[in-house]
Amino acid sequence: MKRTFIVLILLIGCICSCNAPMEDAVPAPSLPTEITFSRTTLNEESLPEGAKALFNATGAIQMDNLVLTYQDGKWEGDNLPRWDNDETSATLTVIHPTYEDATYTTANLYENTLLTDVLIAKDTLTENKDIQLRFNHLFSKFTIQASSSIQSTLEELQLTVPVTIDQIDPKNGTITSRTEDYTHVLTANESGSYSFILPPMTDASLTLTTIADGKTYVNPLPAKTYQSGVEYTCKLRKKGGIYNVQDLIDFSNLINGKSVSGRTLEDFYNVIDGDTIIFLEEDLTLTADSSKQILPIGYNNTKGFRHTFDGQGHTISGLVVPDRSTNSSVNNAYSGLFGYITKDGIVRNLTIEGASNVEGSTDDGVGVLAAQNYGLIIDCNILSSTLEFTNNSVDVKKTGFICAHNLGNIINCHVKDCTLSIDQYFQAGFITGVLKGKVLNCLSFNNYFSMRNTKSAYIGGIAGFSSSEKSSSIVNCYIYTIAKNNRKYFGSVIGFAQKGLVRNAFYNTGNAYYREPTSTEFINTDIVTKDEGFIYNDTLITDHFHNWIDTKGKANYPDIVFKRWTIPDGGYPKFDE
């Protein structure tokens, strides 16, 4: 008999089947989370250098619980088997990882409350040649993706499984299990992704326990079959919130009194310490078609937005501002993502990027984020957006990137790389068109405007027009405007200033504002052109900003955290993120 040594070469993959996604499960009423399942094939993996596996073989190769080590692309070990030419085939079973005495029992398989991810390879060889092994996952994988609102307060996840593994037969991979609950535990991590290894089970009901912010929520999951080698993903999120474009469309309709089949406003609400909060849980990308289905959130003072909308740092891209010319349900003349924010309303932590308005808009007031604001807009950004108006017959129109008409507070907001192009008779500003409230600690940077005719318009880097009807304030702001314009009603800070106060405002070019020579009601303090060096009265302008924040800002707005400022080398003042 001729015997030759066998070189074992490893090729690792994951062979698993995928079933159709399961429909969203209904959350338990006691837990403010919604569970959705999907099935995905596991990614191809490779064992690390030095990994050990347990080999069993019969037929032309005889191996009985032989431990080999994967090194330099091959398996190495003492007493490597030989091919027996008297036999025509060999049957192999290979398991990774290995345990002492080849015992795959409960005590070994469960470590720190978690089941080990066991890999198994089976093959039948009919020729005397190098062996290539393809490993499958013996168990299921259950991955939980925590939304940002959950992740921020998450402490621990517990997954209780009704089946416990007794042992695995290393010679054939047969699993022996018993019907007994076992609780797997993971503590919070930075990624927001949590994976549990589960035994294969049929019609098994799991229980997810979430510990967050010192509270415990128990959520039984629907019965489901869990197969070997299949990953099951679960999104853990608060009951309320906006997770996709359709959610935003539905919410905008419901809050304006429209009906949406199968949904209510309560589907989107989270009540925290008595406050109703709508969380944006994901970045959203809109199209022109999906934008047409959105209504301005809060039409007017009777249906105005009076809750809190928290963007959580997410971005809405591609918004075409809702307009009555394209959506007959927009029954007012003021349009924005938000139509009317009441004095109790708050919009925070939201970025809008790549927004535009409808060509030929017929609305009297257009704001990217809001049309009218009586409440608080804080920590919001408008980036790389365009507002363009041509051949408009309306005598006076209001437009701005944060809002068209501000009677409340705009704080810590940033408008950058935006373009404003108007025709005539506009009150237009990069922060707000008309200012009757306050703009505090804001940045208008690298914005461009143009005007196509000689007719009058009020254009400003912060506000187009500060009204005489109510005192207005602009404090702690930096403005960098690209266009240099000699029009009468243009100002780098305010187009036409009637009444109000400007303090600690610094800008790069032109006049700060225009006002009638006879006006005596407008007050400015430290409003200065600064484009180089950024020094005023021997002090960096950012230090002037911080001095106001630490003194009057803190005293007058004790509940507000004002953003700090910085000036990068060779750059311009910006928020210190």
Protein backbone atom coordinates (compact mmCIF):
# COMPACT_ATOMS: atom_id res chain seq x y z
CA MET A 1 0.00 0.00 0.00
CA LYS A 2 1.25 3.43 -0.91
CA ARG A 3 0.56 6.13 1.68
CA THR A 4 1.08 9.88 1.15
CA PHE A 5 0.75 12.79 3.58
CA ILE A 6 -2.25 15.02 3.20
CA VAL A 7 -1.84 18.83 3.28
CA LEU A 8 -5.03 20.40 4.63
CA ILE A 9 -5.87 23.77 3.07
CA LEU A 10 -8.64 25.85 4.54
CA LEU A 11 -11.24 27.74 2.58
CA ILE A 12 -13.78 29.24 4.91
CA GLY A 13 -17.19 30.43 3.86
CA CYS A 14 -20.67 30.62 5.19
CA ILE A 15 -23.24 28.46 3.49
CA CYS A 16 -26.68 29.43 4.60
CA SER A 17 -30.12 29.88 3.21
CA CYS A 18 -32.17 33.04 3.26
CA ASN A 19 -35.90 33.20 3.70
CA ALA A 20 -38.16 36.11 2.87
CA PRO A 21 -38.18 38.91 5.44
CA MET A 22 -40.67 38.64 8.23
CA GLU A 23 -43.21 41.43 8.57
CA ASP A 24 -42.70 43.99 11.27
CA ALA A 25 -43.69 42.63 14.64
CA VAL A 26 -46.09 44.62 16.75
CA PRO A 27 -44.32 45.93 19.85
CA ALA A 28 -45.48 45.07 23.31
CA PRO A 29 -47.49 47.92 24.78
CA SER A 30 -45.28 48.05 27.87
CA LEU A 31 -42.10 48.68 25.86
CA PRO A 32 -41.59 51.78 23.75
CA THR A 33 -39.75 49.93 21.03
CA GLU A 34 -40.61 48.48 17.67
CA ILE A 35 -39.01 45.27 16.46
CA THR A 36 -38.45 44.56 12.77
CA PHE A 37 -36.81 41.46 11.37
CA SER A 38 -34.83 40.78 8.24
CA ARG A 39 -32.69 37.87 7.18
CA THR A 40 -29.28 38.24 5.64
CA THR A 41 -26.59 35.78 4.69
CA LEU A 42 -23.55 35.89 6.94
CA ASN A 43 -20.43 37.38 5.45
CA GLU A 44 -17.53 35.18 4.47
CA GLU A 45 -15.06 34.81 7.31
CA SER A 46 -11.56 33.46 7.74
CA LEU A 47 -10.04 31.92 10.79
CA PRO A 48 -7.23 33.80 12.47
CA GLU A 49 -3.68 32.58 12.26
CA GLY A 50 -3.09 29.92 14.91
CA ALA A 51 -6.73 28.82 15.08
CA LYS A 52 -7.33 25.25 16.18
CA ALA A 53 -9.94 22.84 14.90
CA LEU A 54 -11.00 19.33 15.83
CA PHE A 55 -10.80 16.77 13.00
CA ASN A 56 -12.72 13.50 12.74
CA ALA A 57 -12.57 11.31 9.65
CA THR A 58 -13.40 7.79 8.52
CA GLY A 59 -12.61 5.79 5.38
CA ALA A 60 -9.41 6.58 3.51
CA ILE A 61 -8.36 8.98 6.27
CA GLN A 62 -8.62 7.97 9.91
CA MET A 63 -8.81 10.84 12.44
CA ASP A 64 -10.27 10.59 15.92
CA ASN A 65 -10.60 13.96 17.68
CA LEU A 66 -7.33 15.17 16.19
CA VAL A 67 -6.52 18.83 16.98
CA LEU A 68 -4.72 20.68 14.18
CA THR A 69 -3.55 24.31 13.98
CA TYR A 70 -4.00 26.59 11.00
CA GLN A 71 -0.63 28.13 10.15
CA ASP A 72 0.71 29.72 6.98
CA GLY A 73 -2.25 28.62 4.87
CA LYS A 74 -2.27 24.98 5.97
CA TRP A 75 -3.13 22.75 8.91
CA GLU A 76 -0.26 21.51 11.02
CA GLY A 77 0.04 19.10 13.89
CA ASP A 78 1.62 15.90 15.17
CA ASN A 79 0.85 12.57 13.51
CA LEU A 80 -0.80 13.94 10.39
CA PRO A 81 -2.96 11.24 8.80
CA ARG A 82 -2.14 9.38 5.60
CA TRP A 83 -4.38 8.39 2.75
CA ASP A 84 -5.20 4.68 2.65
CA ASN A 85 -5.19 3.63 -0.99
CA ASP A 86 -7.25 0.58 -0.14
CA GLU A 87 -10.20 2.89 0.52
CA THR A 88 -11.94 4.93 -2.19
CA SER A 89 -13.26 7.84 -0.13
CA ALA A 90 -13.00 9.62 3.19
CA THR A 91 -15.67 11.42 5.23
CA LEU A 92 -14.57 14.43 7.34
CA THR A 93 -16.16 16.46 10.13
CA VAL A 94 -14.19 19.48 11.35
CA ILE A 95 -15.23 21.78 14.22
CA HIS A 96 -13.87 25.12 15.41
CA PRO A 97 -13.13 26.07 18.17
CA THR A 98 -11.74 23.20 20.22
CA TYR A 99 -12.23 22.29 23.88
CA GLU A 100 -10.25 20.11 26.22
CA ASP A 101 -11.02 16.39 25.88
CA ALA A 102 -13.15 17.22 22.82
CA THR A 103 -16.16 17.87 25.03
CA TYR A 104 -18.67 20.31 23.55
CA THR A 105 -20.97 20.62 26.55
CA THR A 106 -23.03 23.39 28.16
CA ALA A 107 -20.18 24.30 30.47
CA ASN A 108 -17.78 24.83 27.56
CA LEU A 109 -20.13 26.28 24.96
CA TYR A 110 -21.54 29.05 27.15
CA GLU A 111 -18.99 31.59 28.31
CA ASN A 112 -19.89 34.79 30.18
CA THR A 113 -23.60 34.05 29.51
CA LEU A 114 -23.04 33.92 25.70
CA LEU A 115 -23.16 30.94 23.37
CA THR A 116 -20.01 30.38 21.29
CA ASP A 117 -20.23 30.74 17.51
CA VAL A 118 -19.25 27.20 16.44
CA LEU A 119 -18.10 26.55 12.87
CA ILE A 120 -18.43 23.15 11.22
CA ALA A 121 -17.16 21.71 7.95
CA LYS A 122 -18.24 18.41 6.43
CA ASP A 123 -16.89 16.87 3.26
CA THR A 124 -16.53 13.58 1.39
CA LEU A 125 -13.24 13.06 -0.46
CA THR A 126 -12.95 10.70 -3.38
CA GLU A 127 -9.35 11.37 -4.40
CA ASN A 128 -5.97 11.55 -2.73
CA LYS A 129 -5.46 15.32 -2.95
CA ASP A 130 -5.28 18.41 -0.80
CA ILE A 131 -8.37 19.03 1.23
CA GLN A 132 -10.25 22.28 1.06
CA LEU A 133 -12.70 22.96 3.85
CA ARG A 134 -15.74 25.21 3.72
CA PHE A 135 -17.10 26.04 7.13
CA ASN A 136 -20.72 26.76 8.00
CA HIS A 137 -22.04 28.36 11.17
CA LEU A 138 -23.64 25.64 13.28
CA PHE A 139 -25.86 28.12 15.14
CA SER A 140 -28.05 31.13 14.33
CA LYS A 141 -27.04 34.74 14.85
CA PHE A 142 -29.39 37.36 16.26
CA THR A 143 -28.21 40.98 15.85
CA ILE A 144 -29.87 43.99 17.45
CA GLN A 145 -29.30 47.46 16.00
CA ALA A 146 -30.11 50.11 18.57
CA SER A 147 -31.37 53.46 17.31
CA SER A 148 -29.51 56.54 18.46
CA SER A 149 -32.25 57.50 20.90
CA ILE A 150 -32.07 54.06 22.55
CA GLN A 151 -28.30 53.82 22.36
CA SER A 152 -27.81 57.10 24.20
CA THR A 153 -29.27 55.70 27.44
CA LEU A 154 -28.83 51.94 26.91
CA GLU A 155 -27.20 50.03 29.76
CA GLU A 156 -27.84 46.34 29.05
CA LEU A 157 -29.64 43.94 26.73
CA GLN A 158 -30.85 40.54 27.86
CA LEU A 159 -32.13 37.95 25.41
CA THR A 160 -33.91 34.98 26.98
CA VAL A 161 -33.97 31.88 24.77
CA PRO A 162 -36.22 28.86 25.53
CA VAL A 163 -33.59 26.29 24.44
CA THR A 164 -30.24 25.39 26.02
CA ILE A 165 -27.54 23.31 24.30
CA ASP A 166 -26.57 20.14 26.15
CA GLN A 167 -23.76 19.04 23.85
CA ILE A 168 -22.46 18.70 20.30
CA ASP A 169 -21.19 15.38 18.93
CA PRO A 170 -17.84 16.35 17.35
CA LYS A 171 -17.85 13.32 15.08
CA ASN A 172 -20.94 14.40 13.14
CA GLY A 173 -22.00 17.83 14.47
CA THR A 174 -25.28 16.59 15.93
CA ILE A 175 -26.74 19.03 18.47
CA THR A 176 -28.48 17.80 21.61
CA SER A 177 -30.54 20.44 23.43
CA ARG A 178 -33.18 20.73 26.13
CA THR A 179 -36.18 22.97 26.64
CA GLU A 180 -34.88 25.31 29.28
CA ASP A 181 -34.60 29.10 29.36
CA TYR A 182 -31.17 30.60 29.03
CA THR A 183 -30.55 34.35 29.28
CA HIS A 184 -27.78 35.90 27.18
CA VAL A 185 -26.49 39.27 28.41
CA LEU A 186 -24.64 42.10 26.63
CA THR A 187 -23.71 45.47 28.09
CA ALA A 188 -23.86 48.69 26.10
CA ASN A 189 -21.08 49.36 23.60
CA GLU A 190 -20.20 52.32 21.36
CA SER A 191 -21.28 50.77 18.07
CA GLY A 192 -24.97 50.28 18.86
CA SER A 193 -24.82 46.77 17.35
CA TYR A 194 -25.36 43.73 19.59
CA SER A 195 -25.07 40.10 18.42
CA PHE A 196 -26.21 36.94 20.17
CA ILE A 197 -25.51 33.37 19.03
CA LEU A 198 -28.61 31.14 19.28
CA PRO A 199 -29.28 27.41 18.92
CA PRO A 200 -31.37 26.35 15.93
CA MET A 201 -34.99 26.39 17.09
CA THR A 202 -38.48 25.85 15.69
CA ASP A 203 -41.32 28.22 16.62
CA ALA A 204 -39.30 29.66 19.47
CA SER A 205 -40.46 32.74 21.39
CA LEU A 206 -37.62 34.95 22.60
CA THR A 207 -37.87 37.65 25.23
CA LEU A 208 -35.87 40.86 24.91
CA THR A 209 -35.22 42.82 28.08
CA THR A 210 -33.89 46.34 27.63
CA ILE A 211 -32.34 48.25 30.51
CA ALA A 212 -32.02 51.93 29.64
CA ASP A 213 -31.84 55.07 31.73
CA GLY A 214 -32.33 53.03 34.88
CA LYS A 215 -35.59 51.51 33.62
CA THR A 216 -36.33 47.93 32.56
CA TYR A 217 -38.54 47.06 29.60
CA VAL A 218 -39.59 43.50 28.77
CA ASN A 219 -40.66 42.70 25.23
CA PRO A 220 -41.73 39.17 24.17
CA LEU A 221 -40.95 38.58 20.49
CA PRO A 222 -43.23 36.60 18.16
CA ALA A 223 -42.57 32.88 17.72
CA LYS A 224 -40.12 32.21 14.91
CA THR A 225 -37.93 29.43 13.49
CA TYR A 226 -34.19 30.08 13.76
CA GLN A 227 -32.00 28.16 11.32
CA SER A 228 -28.33 27.27 11.40
CA GLY A 229 -26.14 29.70 9.49
CA VAL A 230 -28.76 32.44 9.20
CA GLU A 231 -28.49 35.91 10.72
CA TYR A 232 -31.63 37.60 12.02
CA THR A 233 -31.49 41.35 12.51
CA CYS A 234 -33.66 43.34 14.84
CA LYS A 235 -34.01 47.13 15.01
CA LEU A 236 -34.52 48.32 18.54
CA ARG A 237 -36.13 51.70 18.56
CA LYS A 238 -38.52 53.85 20.46
CA LYS A 239 -42.15 53.40 19.67
CA GLY A 240 -42.46 56.89 18.28
CA GLY A 241 -40.21 58.63 15.83
CA ILE A 242 -39.53 59.12 12.14
CA TYR A 243 -37.42 56.39 10.52
CA ASN A 244 -37.96 56.82 6.79
CA VAL A 245 -39.34 59.15 4.14
CA GLN A 246 -42.83 57.66 4.33
CA ASP A 247 -42.87 58.31 8.08
CA LEU A 248 -42.10 61.99 7.43
CA ILE A 249 -44.84 62.21 4.82
CA ASP A 250 -47.39 60.54 7.07
CA PHE A 251 -46.45 62.65 10.08
CA SER A 252 -46.71 65.91 8.12
CA ASN A 253 -50.19 64.96 6.95
CA LEU A 254 -51.47 63.73 10.31
CA ILE A 255 -50.33 66.79 12.25
CA ASN A 256 -52.28 68.93 9.79
CA GLY A 257 -55.48 67.04 10.36
CA LYS A 258 -55.25 64.76 7.34
CA SER A 259 -56.04 61.05 7.67
CA VAL A 260 -53.49 58.33 6.96
CA SER A 261 -54.68 54.76 6.73
CA GLY A 262 -53.58 52.65 9.68
CA ARG A 263 -51.66 55.42 11.46
CA THR A 264 -52.20 58.07 14.12
CA LEU A 265 -50.07 60.87 15.52
CA GLU A 266 -49.43 58.77 18.62
CA ASP A 267 -47.38 56.44 16.43
CA PHE A 268 -44.76 59.21 16.24
CA TYR A 269 -44.90 60.66 19.75
CA ASN A 270 -42.63 60.02 22.70
CA VAL A 271 -43.76 61.59 25.95
CA ILE A 272 -40.76 62.29 28.19
CA ASP A 273 -41.27 64.14 31.47
CA GLY A 274 -44.53 65.50 30.14
CA ASP A 275 -43.04 66.82 26.87
CA THR A 276 -44.13 65.40 23.53
CA ILE A 277 -41.04 64.76 21.39
CA ILE A 278 -40.77 63.54 17.81
CA PHE A 279 -37.35 62.01 17.14
CA LEU A 280 -35.78 61.78 13.70
CA GLU A 281 -34.03 58.41 13.91
CA GLU A 282 -32.30 58.20 10.52
CA ASP A 283 -30.87 60.39 7.76
CA LEU A 284 -33.49 60.89 5.04
CA THR A 285 -33.05 61.53 1.32
CA LEU A 286 -36.04 63.11 -0.42
CA THR A 287 -36.87 63.43 -4.09
CA ALA A 288 -39.00 66.02 -5.87
CA ASP A 289 -41.87 63.51 -5.93
CA SER A 290 -41.65 62.61 -2.24
CA SER A 291 -41.31 66.31 -1.33
CA LYS A 292 -44.65 67.00 -3.06
CA GLN A 293 -46.32 64.64 -0.59
CA ILE A 294 -45.06 66.54 2.44
CA LEU A 295 -47.19 69.23 4.02
CA PRO A 296 -45.63 72.09 6.00
CA ILE A 297 -45.59 70.72 9.56
CA GLY A 298 -48.17 72.97 11.26
CA TYR A 299 -50.22 75.13 8.89
CA ASN A 300 -51.04 78.07 11.11
CA ASN A 301 -51.72 79.14 14.68
CA THR A 302 -54.59 76.66 15.01
CA LYS A 303 -52.62 73.71 13.65
CA GLY A 304 -49.15 75.01 14.43
CA PHE A 305 -46.36 72.77 15.62
CA ARG A 306 -46.33 73.06 19.40
CA HIS A 307 -44.18 70.10 20.44
CA THR A 308 -40.45 69.26 20.17
CA PHE A 309 -38.87 67.92 17.00
CA ASP A 310 -35.42 66.48 17.71
CA GLY A 311 -33.30 65.70 14.65
CA GLN A 312 -30.65 64.02 16.85
CA GLY A 313 -27.95 65.25 14.47
CA HIS A 314 -29.50 63.60 11.42
CA THR A 315 -29.73 65.15 7.97
CA ILE A 316 -32.66 65.57 5.59
CA SER A 317 -31.32 65.83 2.04
CA GLY A 318 -32.97 66.86 -1.21
CA LEU A 319 -35.98 68.67 0.23
CA VAL A 320 -38.04 70.67 -2.25
CA VAL A 321 -39.90 73.05 0.05
CA PRO A 322 -43.63 72.22 0.12
CA ASP A 323 -45.56 74.69 -2.02
CA ARG A 324 -49.24 75.22 -2.78
CA SER A 325 -48.46 75.39 -6.49
CA THR A 326 -47.53 71.71 -6.50
CA ASN A 327 -49.63 70.37 -3.63
CA SER A 328 -53.24 71.47 -3.41
CA SER A 329 -53.33 70.39 0.26
CA VAL A 330 -50.93 73.22 1.12
CA ASN A 331 -53.75 75.63 1.86
CA ASN A 332 -51.77 78.52 3.30
CA ALA A 333 -49.36 80.98 1.76
CA TYR A 334 -46.38 80.21 3.99
CA SER A 335 -44.25 77.17 3.27
CA GLY A 336 -41.28 75.35 4.76
CA LEU A 337 -40.54 71.96 6.21
CA PHE A 338 -42.35 73.48 9.20
CA GLY A 339 -45.15 75.87 8.42
CA TYR A 340 -45.85 77.52 11.75
CA ILE A 341 -43.87 76.85 14.95
CA THR A 342 -45.84 78.12 17.95
CA LYS A 343 -44.31 79.81 21.00
CA ASP A 344 -44.21 76.40 22.69
CA GLY A 345 -42.65 74.63 19.68
CA ILE A 346 -39.00 73.57 19.49
CA VAL A 347 -36.98 72.31 16.51
CA ARG A 348 -33.46 71.18 17.40
CA ASN A 349 -30.42 69.21 16.23
CA LEU A 350 -31.46 69.06 12.57
CA THR A 351 -29.48 69.55 9.35
CA ILE A 352 -31.09 70.16 5.96
CA GLU A 353 -28.80 69.81 2.95
CA GLY A 354 -29.33 70.33 -0.76
CA ALA A 355 -32.76 71.92 -0.38
CA SER A 356 -34.49 74.05 -2.98
CA ASN A 357 -37.83 75.68 -3.63
CA VAL A 358 -40.42 75.07 -6.31
CA GLU A 359 -39.80 77.02 -9.50
CA GLY A 360 -42.49 79.65 -9.85
CA SER A 361 -43.55 79.42 -6.23
CA THR A 362 -46.77 81.25 -5.42
CA ASP A 363 -46.28 81.27 -1.66
CA ASP A 364 -45.86 84.62 0.10
CA GLY A 365 -43.33 83.27 2.58
CA VAL A 366 -40.82 80.48 2.00
CA GLY A 367 -38.32 79.16 4.51
CA VAL A 368 -36.27 76.00 4.15
CA LEU A 369 -36.65 74.87 7.76
CA ALA A 370 -39.69 76.96 8.71
CA ALA A 371 -42.02 79.56 7.30
CA GLN A 372 -42.97 81.24 10.60
CA ASN A 373 -41.24 80.73 13.92
CA TYR A 374 -42.67 81.92 17.23
CA GLY A 375 -40.81 79.27 19.24
CA LEU A 376 -37.22 78.03 19.44
CA ILE A 377 -35.00 76.82 16.60
CA ILE A 378 -31.70 75.65 18.04
CA ASP A 379 -28.63 73.75 16.80
CA CYS A 380 -29.91 73.53 13.22
CA ASN A 381 -27.96 73.79 9.96
CA ILE A 382 -28.88 74.57 6.37
CA LEU A 383 -26.16 73.50 3.93
CA SER A 384 -25.65 73.83 0.15
CA SER A 385 -29.22 74.87 -0.54
CA THR A 386 -30.81 77.24 -3.05
CA LEU A 387 -33.80 79.58 -2.95
CA GLU A 388 -34.63 81.09 -6.32
CA PHE A 389 -37.58 83.27 -7.24
CA THR A 390 -38.35 84.67 -10.69
CA ASN A 391 -41.14 86.75 -12.22
CA ASN A 392 -43.14 86.92 -9.04
CA SER A 393 -46.15 89.17 -9.01
CA VAL A 394 -46.54 89.34 -5.25
CA ASP A 395 -45.49 92.76 -4.06
CA VAL A 396 -43.66 91.70 -0.90
CA LYS A 397 -42.42 88.21 -0.21
CA LYS A 398 -40.43 86.85 2.72
CA THR A 399 -37.76 84.19 2.46
CA GLY A 400 -34.91 82.80 4.53
CA PHE A 401 -33.01 79.55 4.93
CA ILE A 402 -33.77 79.01 8.61
CA CYS A 403 -37.17 80.70 8.39
CA ALA A 404 -39.06 83.30 6.39
CA HIS A 405 -40.47 85.15 9.39
CA ASN A 406 -38.92 84.92 12.86
CA LEU A 407 -40.80 86.12 15.92
CA GLY A 408 -39.13 83.67 18.30
CA ASN A 409 -35.54 82.62 18.99
CA ILE A 410 -32.97 81.22 16.56
CA ILE A 411 -29.90 79.99 18.45
CA ASN A 412 -26.68 78.16 17.47
CA CYS A 413 -27.72 77.85 13.84
CA HIS A 414 -25.46 77.67 10.79
CA VAL A 415 -26.25 78.50 7.16
CA LYS A 416 -23.41 77.62 4.79
CA ASP A 417 -22.76 77.49 1.04
CA CYS A 418 -26.27 78.60 0.14
CA THR A 419 -27.50 80.65 -2.79
CA LEU A 420 -30.30 83.22 -2.75
CA SER A 421 -31.52 84.51 -6.09
CA ILE A 422 -34.44 86.92 -6.18
CA ASP A 423 -36.35 89.10 -8.55
CA GLN A 424 -38.07 91.96 -6.78
CA TYR A 425 -39.77 93.24 -3.64
CA PHE A 426 -38.33 90.66 -1.26
CA GLN A 427 -37.43 90.65 2.41
CA ALA A 428 -34.70 88.02 2.20
CA GLY A 429 -32.01 86.86 4.60
CA PHE A 430 -29.79 83.84 4.93
CA ILE A 431 -31.05 83.22 8.46
CA THR A 432 -34.49 84.87 8.31
CA GLY A 433 -36.39 87.08 5.90
CA VAL A 434 -38.15 89.20 8.51
CA LEU A 435 -36.79 89.56 12.03
CA LYS A 436 -39.10 90.42 14.91
CA GLY A 437 -37.43 88.10 17.43
CA LYS A 438 -33.87 87.10 18.27
CA VAL A 439 -30.96 85.56 16.41
CA LEU A 440 -28.30 84.51 18.92
CA ASN A 441 -24.90 82.92 18.38
CA CYS A 442 -25.39 82.08 14.71
CA LEU A 443 -23.12 81.71 11.69
CA SER A 444 -23.88 82.72 8.11
CA PHE A 445 -20.93 81.61 6.01
CA ASN A 446 -19.91 81.52 2.37
CA ASN A 447 -23.35 82.39 1.11
CA TYR A 448 -24.10 84.06 -2.20
CA PHE A 449 -26.97 86.22 -3.38
CA SER A 450 -27.97 87.78 -6.65
CA MET A 451 -30.74 90.07 -7.87
CA ARG A 452 -31.79 90.22 -11.48
CA ASN A 453 -33.36 93.66 -11.78
CA THR A 454 -33.20 97.12 -10.32
CA LYS A 455 -36.27 97.02 -8.19
CA SER A 456 -36.00 97.33 -4.44
CA ALA A 457 -35.44 94.39 -2.14
CA TYR A 458 -34.20 94.04 1.43
CA ILE A 459 -31.34 91.53 1.55
CA GLY A 460 -29.14 90.67 4.53
CA GLY A 461 -26.58 88.09 5.64
CA ILE A 462 -28.69 87.47 8.76
CA ALA A 463 -32.05 89.17 8.12
CA GLY A 464 -33.61 90.95 5.18
CA PHE A 465 -35.72 93.26 7.32
CA SER A 466 -35.93 94.07 11.04
CA SER A 467 -39.47 95.20 11.68
CA SER A 468 -40.54 98.28 13.56
CA GLU A 469 -43.43 96.36 15.07
CA LYS A 470 -41.36 94.59 17.68
CA SER A 471 -37.87 94.88 19.06
CA SER A 472 -35.41 92.49 17.43
CA SER A 473 -31.89 91.36 18.39
CA ILE A 474 -28.87 89.91 16.62
CA VAL A 475 -26.11 88.93 19.03
CA ASN A 476 -22.87 86.96 18.73
CA CYS A 477 -22.94 86.28 15.01
CA TYR A 478 -20.37 86.02 12.24
CA ILE A 479 -21.32 86.68 8.63
CA TYR A 480 -19.29 85.91 5.53
CA THR A 481 -21.12 86.88 2.33
CA ILE A 482 -19.62 86.30 -1.11
CA ALA A 483 -21.44 88.93 -3.13
CA LYS A 484 -20.50 92.58 -2.91
CA ASN A 485 -23.53 94.65 -3.68
CA ASN A 486 -24.13 98.38 -3.74
CA ARG A 487 -27.89 98.20 -3.68
CA LYS A 488 -29.55 100.56 -1.33
CA TYR A 489 -31.30 97.95 0.78
CA PHE A 490 -28.47 95.52 1.28
CA GLY A 491 -26.56 94.84 4.47
CA SER A 492 -24.10 92.15 5.40
CA VAL A 493 -26.06 91.78 8.64
CA ILE A 494 -29.52 93.32 7.92
CA GLY A 495 -30.94 94.56 4.64
CA PHE A 496 -33.19 97.24 6.12
CA ALA A 497 -32.95 97.91 9.85
CA GLN A 498 -35.83 99.74 11.48
CA LYS A 499 -35.78 98.75 15.12
CA GLY A 500 -33.70 96.50 17.32
CA LEU A 501 -30.25 95.75 18.66
CA VAL A 502 -27.10 94.28 17.14
CA ARG A 503 -24.24 93.28 19.45
CA ASN A 504 -20.99 91.39 18.77
CA ALA A 505 -21.71 90.98 15.08
CA PHE A 506 -18.75 90.71 12.74
CA TYR A 507 -18.85 90.51 8.96
CA ASN A 508 -16.54 90.48 5.97
CA THR A 509 -17.66 93.11 3.50
CA GLY A 510 -19.86 96.09 2.65
CA ASN A 511 -22.22 97.87 4.99
CA ALA A 512 -23.63 96.18 8.04
CA TYR A 513 -27.16 97.37 7.30
CA TYR A 514 -29.25 100.08 5.71
CA ARG A 515 -31.58 102.31 7.70
CA GLU A 516 -33.36 105.55 7.01
CA PRO A 517 -31.36 108.59 8.08
CA THR A 518 -34.23 109.77 10.27
CA SER A 519 -34.47 106.50 12.19
CA THR A 520 -33.49 106.74 15.84
CA GLU A 521 -34.70 103.38 17.11
CA PHE A 522 -31.95 101.09 15.90
CA ILE A 523 -29.03 100.41 18.25
CA ASN A 524 -25.79 98.68 17.42
CA THR A 525 -22.86 97.78 19.65
CA ASP A 526 -19.63 96.29 18.31
CA ILE A 527 -20.83 95.58 14.79
CA VAL A 528 -17.60 95.59 12.83
CA THR A 529 -16.14 94.51 9.50
CA LYS A 530 -13.53 91.82 10.18
CA ASP A 531 -12.11 89.69 7.40
CA GLU A 532 -8.43 89.44 8.36
CA GLY A 533 -6.86 88.80 11.72
CA PHE A 534 -10.23 88.76 13.45
CA ILE A 535 -9.01 91.13 16.14
CA TYR A 536 -11.26 93.81 17.60
CA ASN A 537 -10.05 96.13 20.38
CA ASP A 538 -6.92 93.97 20.71
CA THR A 539 -9.06 90.87 21.35
CA LEU A 540 -9.99 87.95 19.11
CA ILE A 541 -13.61 88.22 18.07
CA THR A 542 -14.17 84.66 19.30
CA ASP A 543 -13.18 85.89 22.76
CA HIS A 544 -15.81 88.60 22.44
CA PHE A 545 -18.30 85.85 21.58
CA HIS A 546 -17.27 83.74 24.56
CA ASN A 547 -17.39 86.70 26.92
CA TRP A 548 -21.02 87.32 26.00
CA ILE A 549 -21.82 83.58 26.29
CA ASP A 550 -20.26 83.36 29.75
CA THR A 551 -21.89 86.54 31.06
CA LYS A 552 -25.10 87.86 29.54
CA GLY A 553 -25.85 84.69 27.64
CA LYS A 554 -25.62 82.55 30.77
CA ALA A 555 -27.54 85.09 32.84
CA ASN A 556 -30.38 85.68 30.36
CA TYR A 557 -30.63 82.14 28.96
CA PRO A 558 -29.64 79.79 31.80
CA ASP A 559 -31.18 76.73 30.09
CA ILE A 560 -29.35 77.24 26.78
CA VAL A 561 -25.98 75.66 25.99
CA PHE A 562 -24.39 78.08 23.53
CA LYS A 563 -21.91 76.68 21.02
CA ARG A 564 -18.31 77.80 21.43
CA TRP A 565 -16.26 79.27 18.59
CA THR A 566 -12.86 78.67 17.06
CA ILE A 567 -10.71 80.10 14.24
CA PRO A 568 -8.68 77.39 12.43
CA ASP A 569 -5.29 78.32 11.04
CA GLY A 570 -5.88 80.15 7.78
CA GLY A 571 -9.61 79.87 8.21
CA TYR A 572 -12.62 81.84 9.36
CA PRO A 573 -14.59 81.82 12.61
CA LYS A 574 -16.78 78.76 12.99
CA PHE A 575 -18.45 76.71 15.68
CA ASP A 576 -16.11 74.50 17.67
CA GLU A 577 -17.78 71.15 17.10
